[in-house]
Amino acid sequence: MSPRLVVILAVVGIIASGIGVVRWIVQPPAARLSGAGEASLQAASDADRRAHRERFFGGDTGHDIRSGQEVKPTC
């Protein structure tokens, strides 16, 4: 095989792999169905999502995190 053909095949393979990975990442997961034919995964409401974010990112409200910590010199 000629070196030009090898390079072309390698580039086509890299592009095809990249397209496959992007499609795999971007494609939403298929809805899973229960035995009764209903969707088993329920979408959380906006209020539930907001409450979860506030609990997760809210931190400990009992501690002052704005003032910082006093650093004393060691020498």
Protein backbone atom coordinates (compact mmCIF):
# COMPACT_ATOMS: atom_id res chain seq x y z
CA MET A 1 0.00 0.00 0.00
CA SER A 2 1.15 3.46 -0.75
CA PRO A 3 1.91 5.85 2.10
CA ARG A 4 -0.73 8.26 0.82
CA LEU A 5 -3.44 5.57 1.06
CA VAL A 6 -2.35 4.66 4.60
CA VAL A 7 -2.58 8.29 5.68
CA ILE A 8 -6.00 8.70 4.06
CA LEU A 9 -7.31 5.53 5.75
CA ALA A 10 -5.92 6.65 9.11
CA VAL A 11 -7.57 10.09 8.81
CA VAL A 12 -10.89 8.53 7.79
CA GLY A 13 -10.68 6.14 10.74
CA ILE A 14 -9.95 8.94 13.20
CA ILE A 15 -12.83 11.04 11.86
CA ALA A 16 -15.23 8.08 11.98
CA SER A 17 -14.19 7.29 15.55
CA GLY A 18 -14.64 10.91 16.57
CA ILE A 19 -18.11 11.02 15.06
CA GLY A 20 -19.01 7.79 16.85
CA VAL A 21 -17.80 9.09 20.22
CA VAL A 22 -19.61 12.42 19.80
CA ARG A 23 -22.81 10.65 18.81
CA TRP A 24 -22.50 8.29 21.80
CA ILE A 25 -21.98 11.21 24.21
CA VAL A 26 -24.63 13.55 22.78
CA GLN A 27 -27.37 10.99 22.16
CA PRO A 28 -29.85 10.95 25.06
CA PRO A 29 -30.41 7.60 26.75
CA ALA A 30 -33.41 5.62 25.63
CA ALA A 31 -36.39 5.58 27.98
CA ARG A 32 -36.51 2.38 29.97
CA LEU A 33 -39.89 0.73 30.16
CA SER A 34 -41.29 -1.26 33.03
CA GLY A 35 -43.19 -4.50 32.58
CA ALA A 36 -46.50 -2.64 32.40
CA GLY A 37 -45.26 -0.54 29.50
CA GLU A 38 -45.02 2.70 31.47
CA ALA A 39 -41.87 4.74 31.77
CA SER A 40 -40.14 3.79 35.02
CA LEU A 41 -38.05 6.96 35.23
CA GLN A 42 -39.97 10.04 36.33
CA ALA A 43 -38.71 13.50 35.46
CA ALA A 44 -38.07 15.61 38.53
CA SER A 45 -39.96 18.88 38.72
CA ASP A 46 -38.14 22.20 38.58
CA ALA A 47 -38.85 22.81 42.26
CA ASP A 48 -37.30 19.45 43.19
CA ARG A 49 -34.21 20.18 41.10
CA ARG A 50 -33.85 23.65 42.62
CA ALA A 51 -34.18 22.28 46.17
CA HIS A 52 -31.57 19.61 45.42
CA ARG A 53 -29.13 22.19 44.06
CA GLU A 54 -29.62 24.41 47.10
CA ARG A 55 -28.97 21.49 49.47
CA PHE A 56 -25.92 20.36 47.50
CA PHE A 57 -24.25 23.72 46.92
CA GLY A 58 -25.60 25.55 49.97
CA GLY A 59 -22.88 24.45 52.37
CA ASP A 60 -23.01 24.72 56.14
CA THR A 61 -24.99 27.81 57.11
CA GLY A 62 -23.68 27.65 60.71
CA HIS A 63 -20.13 28.66 59.74
CA ASP A 64 -18.93 32.03 58.45
CA ILE A 65 -17.10 31.29 55.21
CA ARG A 66 -16.82 34.90 53.99
CA SER A 67 -14.34 36.29 56.55
CA GLY A 68 -11.60 33.77 55.89
CA GLN A 69 -9.06 32.40 58.34
CA GLU A 70 -6.42 34.24 60.31
CA VAL A 71 -2.90 33.24 59.33
CA LYS A 72 -0.22 33.78 61.94
CA PRO A 73 3.44 34.12 60.91
CA THR A 74 5.72 31.20 61.89
CA CYS A 75 8.91 33.19 62.46
